[in-house]
Amino acid sequence: MKRISGEQVLGMIPAALEGDYILYIDGTVINEATDLTAIDLRGVPGAAYRLEVTRTDEMIKQISATR
């Protein structure tokens, strides 16, 4: 696991929306079907996150970011 900033977590959202991987931010799922207008991300910037990455055959399958 690695610690990263909330700003870095937000930077991972575009790839998740493109379907590159499934991103979980504090349990909230972000993927190609996600409507960002329905998610409150105001608490993400300025927070520190623990990152867990799940891979299959050299590909990233999902990323989980938790405070």
PDB file of N, CA and C in Angstrom:
ATOM      1  N   MET A   1       0.831  -1.185   0.000  1.00  0.00           N
ATOM      2  CA  MET A   1       0.000   0.000   0.000  1.00  0.00           C
ATOM      3  C   MET A   1       0.872   1.243   0.000  1.00  0.00           C
ATOM      4  N   LYS A   2       0.356   2.273  -0.580  1.00  0.00           N
ATOM      5  CA  LYS A   2       1.077   3.513  -0.730  1.00  0.00           C
ATOM      6  C   LYS A   2       0.188   4.662  -0.279  1.00  0.00           C
ATOM      7  N   ARG A   3       0.765   5.719   0.273  1.00  0.00           N
ATOM      8  CA  ARG A   3       0.008   6.904   0.665  1.00  0.00           C
ATOM      9  C   ARG A   3       0.117   7.946  -0.443  1.00  0.00           C
ATOM     10  N   ILE A   4      -1.036   8.511  -0.824  1.00  0.00           N
ATOM     11  CA  ILE A   4      -1.041   9.561  -1.828  1.00  0.00           C
ATOM     12  C   ILE A   4      -2.005  10.663  -1.404  1.00  0.00           C
ATOM     13  N   SER A   5      -1.920  11.802  -2.041  1.00  0.00           N
ATOM     14  CA  SER A   5      -2.785  12.934  -1.705  1.00  0.00           C
ATOM     15  C   SER A   5      -4.145  12.804  -2.387  1.00  0.00           C
ATOM     16  N   GLY A   6      -5.115  13.496  -1.849  1.00  0.00           N
ATOM     17  CA  GLY A   6      -6.444  13.517  -2.446  1.00  0.00           C
ATOM     18  C   GLY A   6      -6.430  14.076  -3.857  1.00  0.00           C
ATOM     19  N   GLU A   7      -5.545  15.038  -4.097  1.00  0.00           N
ATOM     20  CA  GLU A   7      -5.427  15.604  -5.433  1.00  0.00           C
ATOM     21  C   GLU A   7      -4.972  14.549  -6.435  1.00  0.00           C
ATOM     22  N   GLN A   8      -4.062  13.667  -6.002  1.00  0.00           N
ATOM     23  CA  GLN A   8      -3.606  12.587  -6.871  1.00  0.00           C
ATOM     24  C   GLN A   8      -4.735  11.588  -7.131  1.00  0.00           C
ATOM     25  N   VAL A   9      -5.548  11.336  -6.112  1.00  0.00           N
ATOM     26  CA  VAL A   9      -6.698  10.442  -6.282  1.00  0.00           C
ATOM     27  C   VAL A   9      -7.658  11.033  -7.314  1.00  0.00           C
ATOM     28  N   LEU A  10      -7.927  12.327  -7.214  1.00  0.00           N
ATOM     29  CA  LEU A  10      -8.812  12.979  -8.187  1.00  0.00           C
ATOM     30  C   LEU A  10      -8.258  12.868  -9.600  1.00  0.00           C
ATOM     31  N   GLY A  11      -6.950  12.895  -9.726  1.00  0.00           N
ATOM     32  CA  GLY A  11      -6.311  12.768 -11.029  1.00  0.00           C
ATOM     33  C   GLY A  11      -6.492  11.401 -11.665  1.00  0.00           C
ATOM     34  N   MET A  12      -6.917  10.415 -10.874  1.00  0.00           N
ATOM     35  CA  MET A  12      -7.139   9.066 -11.384  1.00  0.00           C
ATOM     36  C   MET A  12      -8.551   8.882 -11.939  1.00  0.00           C
ATOM     37  N   ILE A  13      -9.420   9.838 -11.689  1.00  0.00           N
ATOM     38  CA  ILE A  13     -10.823   9.711 -12.108  1.00  0.00           C
ATOM     39  C   ILE A  13     -11.001   9.626 -13.623  1.00  0.00           C
ATOM     40  N   PRO A  14     -10.339  10.459 -14.435  1.00  0.00           N
ATOM     41  CA  PRO A  14     -10.577  10.361 -15.881  1.00  0.00           C
ATOM     42  C   PRO A  14     -10.327   8.970 -16.466  1.00  0.00           C
ATOM     43  N   ALA A  15      -9.282   8.297 -16.032  1.00  0.00           N
ATOM     44  CA  ALA A  15      -9.001   6.942 -16.552  1.00  0.00           C
ATOM     45  C   ALA A  15     -10.076   5.958 -16.109  1.00  0.00           C
ATOM     46  N   ALA A  16     -10.587   6.136 -14.892  1.00  0.00           N
ATOM     47  CA  ALA A  16     -11.665   5.260 -14.419  1.00  0.00           C
ATOM     48  C   ALA A  16     -12.935   5.497 -15.231  1.00  0.00           C
ATOM     49  N   LEU A  17     -13.214   6.740 -15.546  1.00  0.00           N
ATOM     50  CA  LEU A  17     -14.394   7.059 -16.360  1.00  0.00           C
ATOM     51  C   LEU A  17     -14.266   6.516 -17.778  1.00  0.00           C
ATOM     52  N   GLU A  18     -13.036   6.360 -18.248  1.00  0.00           N
ATOM     53  CA  GLU A  18     -12.788   5.786 -19.575  1.00  0.00           C
ATOM     54  C   GLU A  18     -12.857   4.261 -19.561  1.00  0.00           C
ATOM     55  N   GLY A  19     -12.967   3.672 -18.369  1.00  0.00           N
ATOM     56  CA  GLY A  19     -13.052   2.219 -18.270  1.00  0.00           C
ATOM     57  C   GLY A  19     -11.721   1.515 -18.137  1.00  0.00           C
ATOM     58  N   ASP A  20     -10.644   2.267 -17.888  1.00  0.00           N
ATOM     59  CA  ASP A  20      -9.321   1.645 -17.746  1.00  0.00           C
ATOM     60  C   ASP A  20      -9.239   0.776 -16.499  1.00  0.00           C
ATOM     61  N   TYR A  21      -9.944   1.158 -15.448  1.00  0.00           N
ATOM     62  CA  TYR A  21     -10.008   0.403 -14.198  1.00  0.00           C
ATOM     63  C   TYR A  21     -11.197   0.904 -13.401  1.00  0.00           C
ATOM     64  N   ILE A  22     -11.528   0.181 -12.335  1.00  0.00           N
ATOM     65  CA  ILE A  22     -12.568   0.610 -11.413  1.00  0.00           C
ATOM     66  C   ILE A  22     -11.863   1.298 -10.251  1.00  0.00           C
ATOM     67  N   LEU A  23     -12.303   2.492  -9.923  1.00  0.00           N
ATOM     68  CA  LEU A  23     -11.718   3.266  -8.842  1.00  0.00           C
ATOM     69  C   LEU A  23     -12.723   3.374  -7.704  1.00  0.00           C
ATOM     70  N   TYR A  24     -12.271   3.047  -6.507  1.00  0.00           N
ATOM     71  CA  TYR A  24     -13.090   3.208  -5.307  1.00  0.00           C
ATOM     72  C   TYR A  24     -12.458   4.305  -4.465  1.00  0.00           C
ATOM     73  N   ILE A  25     -13.213   5.345  -4.170  1.00  0.00           N
ATOM     74  CA  ILE A  25     -12.747   6.407  -3.282  1.00  0.00           C
ATOM     75  C   ILE A  25     -13.617   6.354  -2.039  1.00  0.00           C
ATOM     76  N   ASP A  26     -13.030   5.934  -0.927  1.00  0.00           N
ATOM     77  CA  ASP A  26     -13.778   5.769   0.325  1.00  0.00           C
ATOM     78  C   ASP A  26     -15.058   4.974   0.111  1.00  0.00           C
ATOM     79  N   GLY A  27     -14.976   3.928  -0.718  1.00  0.00           N
ATOM     80  CA  GLY A  27     -16.116   3.047  -0.947  1.00  0.00           C
ATOM     81  C   GLY A  27     -17.030   3.459  -2.091  1.00  0.00           C
ATOM     82  N   THR A  28     -16.873   4.662  -2.605  1.00  0.00           N
ATOM     83  CA  THR A  28     -17.680   5.130  -3.731  1.00  0.00           C
ATOM     84  C   THR A  28     -17.071   4.614  -5.033  1.00  0.00           C
ATOM     85  N   VAL A  29     -17.877   3.962  -5.851  1.00  0.00           N
ATOM     86  CA  VAL A  29     -17.398   3.369  -7.103  1.00  0.00           C
ATOM     87  C   VAL A  29     -17.389   4.415  -8.208  1.00  0.00           C
ATOM     88  N   ILE A  30     -16.262   4.474  -8.917  1.00  0.00           N
ATOM     89  CA  ILE A  30     -16.162   5.332 -10.102  1.00  0.00           C
ATOM     90  C   ILE A  30     -15.686   4.459 -11.252  1.00  0.00           C
ATOM     91  N   ASN A  31     -16.534   4.388 -12.293  1.00  0.00           N
ATOM     92  CA  ASN A  31     -16.202   3.625 -13.497  1.00  0.00           C
ATOM     93  C   ASN A  31     -16.875   4.296 -14.688  1.00  0.00           C
ATOM     94  N   GLU A  32     -16.911   3.604 -15.822  1.00  0.00           N
ATOM     95  CA  GLU A  32     -17.450   4.230 -17.040  1.00  0.00           C
ATOM     96  C   GLU A  32     -18.939   4.541 -16.940  1.00  0.00           C
ATOM     97  N   ALA A  33     -19.651   3.973 -15.981  1.00  0.00           N
ATOM     98  CA  ALA A  33     -21.091   4.221 -15.821  1.00  0.00           C
ATOM     99  C   ALA A  33     -21.398   5.298 -14.776  1.00  0.00           C
ATOM    100  N   THR A  34     -20.374   5.855 -14.160  1.00  0.00           N
ATOM    101  CA  THR A  34     -20.558   6.800 -13.064  1.00  0.00           C
ATOM    102  C   THR A  34     -20.950   8.189 -13.566  1.00  0.00           C
ATOM    103  N   ASP A  35     -21.940   8.777 -12.910  1.00  0.00           N
ATOM    104  CA  ASP A  35     -22.332  10.170 -13.138  1.00  0.00           C
ATOM    105  C   ASP A  35     -21.685  11.000 -12.035  1.00  0.00           C
ATOM    106  N   LEU A  36     -20.622  11.727 -12.367  1.00  0.00           N
ATOM    107  CA  LEU A  36     -19.889  12.487 -11.359  1.00  0.00           C
ATOM    108  C   LEU A  36     -20.727  13.563 -10.685  1.00  0.00           C
ATOM    109  N   THR A  37     -21.787  14.023 -11.349  1.00  0.00           N
ATOM    110  CA  THR A  37     -22.626  15.054 -10.728  1.00  0.00           C
ATOM    111  C   THR A  37     -23.395  14.494  -9.530  1.00  0.00           C
ATOM    112  N   ALA A  38     -23.461  13.186  -9.403  1.00  0.00           N
ATOM    113  CA  ALA A  38     -24.177  12.548  -8.294  1.00  0.00           C
ATOM    114  C   ALA A  38     -23.256  12.217  -7.114  1.00  0.00           C
ATOM    115  N   ILE A  39     -21.969  12.547  -7.234  1.00  0.00           N
ATOM    116  CA  ILE A  39     -20.990  12.198  -6.201  1.00  0.00           C
ATOM    117  C   ILE A  39     -20.404  13.472  -5.593  1.00  0.00           C
ATOM    118  N   ASP A  40     -20.328  13.501  -4.268  1.00  0.00           N
ATOM    119  CA  ASP A  40     -19.728  14.632  -3.558  1.00  0.00           C
ATOM    120  C   ASP A  40     -18.260  14.317  -3.285  1.00  0.00           C
ATOM    121  N   LEU A  41     -17.377  14.975  -4.014  1.00  0.00           N
ATOM    122  CA  LEU A  41     -15.938  14.756  -3.876  1.00  0.00           C
ATOM    123  C   LEU A  41     -15.242  15.907  -3.155  1.00  0.00           C
ATOM    124  N   ARG A  42     -16.013  16.789  -2.533  1.00  0.00           N
ATOM    125  CA  ARG A  42     -15.421  17.972  -1.894  1.00  0.00           C
ATOM    126  C   ARG A  42     -14.435  17.638  -0.785  1.00  0.00           C
ATOM    127  N   GLY A  43     -14.591  16.507  -0.119  1.00  0.00           N
ATOM    128  CA  GLY A  43     -13.687  16.158   0.975  1.00  0.00           C
ATOM    129  C   GLY A  43     -12.399  15.493   0.532  1.00  0.00           C
ATOM    130  N   VAL A  44     -12.272  15.217  -0.752  1.00  0.00           N
ATOM    131  CA  VAL A  44     -11.101  14.481  -1.243  1.00  0.00           C
ATOM    132  C   VAL A  44      -9.834  15.349  -1.274  1.00  0.00           C
ATOM    133  N   PRO A  45      -9.868  16.558  -1.858  1.00  0.00           N
ATOM    134  CA  PRO A  45      -8.643  17.372  -1.866  1.00  0.00           C
ATOM    135  C   PRO A  45      -8.191  17.681  -0.438  1.00  0.00           C
ATOM    136  N   GLY A  46      -6.905  17.602  -0.214  1.00  0.00           N
ATOM    137  CA  GLY A  46      -6.357  17.899   1.100  1.00  0.00           C
ATOM    138  C   GLY A  46      -6.280  16.701   2.028  1.00  0.00           C
ATOM    139  N   ALA A  47      -6.928  15.610   1.675  1.00  0.00           N
ATOM    140  CA  ALA A  47      -6.872  14.397   2.501  1.00  0.00           C
ATOM    141  C   ALA A  47      -5.724  13.507   2.031  1.00  0.00           C
ATOM    142  N   ALA A  48      -5.305  12.606   2.901  1.00  0.00           N
ATOM    143  CA  ALA A  48      -4.289  11.615   2.543  1.00  0.00           C
ATOM    144  C   ALA A  48      -4.982  10.269   2.391  1.00  0.00           C
ATOM    145  N   TYR A  49      -4.589   9.525   1.383  1.00  0.00           N
ATOM    146  CA  TYR A  49      -5.229   8.246   1.075  1.00  0.00           C
ATOM    147  C   TYR A  49      -4.222   7.113   1.055  1.00  0.00           C
ATOM    148  N   ARG A  50      -4.711   5.952   1.443  1.00  0.00           N
ATOM    149  CA  ARG A  50      -3.961   4.710   1.319  1.00  0.00           C
ATOM    150  C   ARG A  50      -4.451   4.058   0.035  1.00  0.00           C
ATOM    151  N   LEU A  51      -3.539   3.644  -0.782  1.00  0.00           N
ATOM    152  CA  LEU A  51      -3.884   3.110  -2.101  1.00  0.00           C
ATOM    153  C   LEU A  51      -3.617   1.617  -2.151  1.00  0.00           C
ATOM    154  N   GLU A  52      -4.593   0.877  -2.667  1.00  0.00           N
ATOM    155  CA  GLU A  52      -4.432  -0.564  -2.885  1.00  0.00           C
ATOM    156  C   GLU A  52      -4.795  -0.856  -4.338  1.00  0.00           C
ATOM    157  N   VAL A  53      -3.882  -1.496  -5.047  1.00  0.00           N
ATOM    158  CA  VAL A  53      -4.065  -1.769  -6.473  1.00  0.00           C
ATOM    159  C   VAL A  53      -4.215  -3.269  -6.689  1.00  0.00           C
ATOM    160  N   THR A  54      -5.246  -3.658  -7.446  1.00  0.00           N
ATOM    161  CA  THR A  54      -5.458  -5.054  -7.807  1.00  0.00           C
ATOM    162  C   THR A  54      -5.130  -5.213  -9.285  1.00  0.00           C
ATOM    163  N   ARG A  55      -4.224  -6.139  -9.588  1.00  0.00           N
ATOM    164  CA  ARG A  55      -3.791  -6.369 -10.973  1.00  0.00           C
ATOM    165  C   ARG A  55      -4.138  -7.778 -11.410  1.00  0.00           C
ATOM    166  N   THR A  56      -4.349  -7.924 -12.714  1.00  0.00           N
ATOM    167  CA  THR A  56      -4.491  -9.238 -13.324  1.00  0.00           C
ATOM    168  C   THR A  56      -3.713  -9.214 -14.635  1.00  0.00           C
ATOM    169  N   ASP A  57      -2.791 -10.154 -14.788  1.00  0.00           N
ATOM    170  CA  ASP A  57      -1.995 -10.249 -16.022  1.00  0.00           C
ATOM    171  C   ASP A  57      -1.413  -8.907 -16.453  1.00  0.00           C
ATOM    172  N   GLU A  58      -0.743  -8.233 -15.530  1.00  0.00           N
ATOM    173  CA  GLU A  58      -0.068  -6.968 -15.832  1.00  0.00           C
ATOM    174  C   GLU A  58      -1.008  -5.781 -16.045  1.00  0.00           C
ATOM    175  N   MET A  59      -2.307  -6.014 -15.957  1.00  0.00           N
ATOM    176  CA  MET A  59      -3.291  -4.932 -16.129  1.00  0.00           C
ATOM    177  C   MET A  59      -3.842  -4.542 -14.763  1.00  0.00           C
ATOM    178  N   ILE A  60      -4.105  -3.267 -14.572  1.00  0.00           N
ATOM    179  CA  ILE A  60      -4.754  -2.817 -13.341  1.00  0.00           C
ATOM    180  C   ILE A  60      -6.235  -3.065 -13.460  1.00  0.00           C
ATOM    181  N   LYS A  61      -6.796  -3.805 -12.531  1.00  0.00           N
ATOM    182  CA  LYS A  61      -8.214  -4.127 -12.538  1.00  0.00           C
ATOM    183  C   LYS A  61      -9.005  -3.123 -11.703  1.00  0.00           C
ATOM    184  N   GLN A  62      -8.508  -2.847 -10.505  1.00  0.00           N
ATOM    185  CA  GLN A  62      -9.194  -1.885  -9.663  1.00  0.00           C
ATOM    186  C   GLN A  62      -8.203  -1.205  -8.729  1.00  0.00           C
ATOM    187  N   ILE A  63      -8.582   0.007  -8.320  1.00  0.00           N
ATOM    188  CA  ILE A  63      -7.779   0.776  -7.374  1.00  0.00           C
ATOM    189  C   ILE A  63      -8.717   1.220  -6.253  1.00  0.00           C
ATOM    190  N   SER A  64      -8.295   1.003  -5.039  1.00  0.00           N
ATOM    191  CA  SER A  64      -9.086   1.405  -3.884  1.00  0.00           C
ATOM    192  C   SER A  64      -8.294   2.452  -3.106  1.00  0.00           C
ATOM    193  N   ALA A  65      -8.900   3.613  -2.896  1.00  0.00           N
ATOM    194  CA  ALA A  65      -8.277   4.704  -2.140  1.00  0.00           C
ATOM    195  C   ALA A  65      -9.123   4.957  -0.898  1.00  0.00           C
ATOM    196  N   THR A  66      -8.515   4.768   0.268  1.00  0.00           N
ATOM    197  CA  THR A  66      -9.220   4.974   1.530  1.00  0.00           C
ATOM    198  C   THR A  66      -8.417   5.891   2.429  1.00  0.00           C
ATOM    199  N   ARG A  67      -9.137   6.672   3.243  1.00  0.00           N
ATOM    200  CA  ARG A  67      -8.449   7.578   4.182  1.00  0.00           C
ATOM    201  C   ARG A  67      -7.918   6.831   5.364  1.00  0.00           C
TER     202      ARG A  67
END
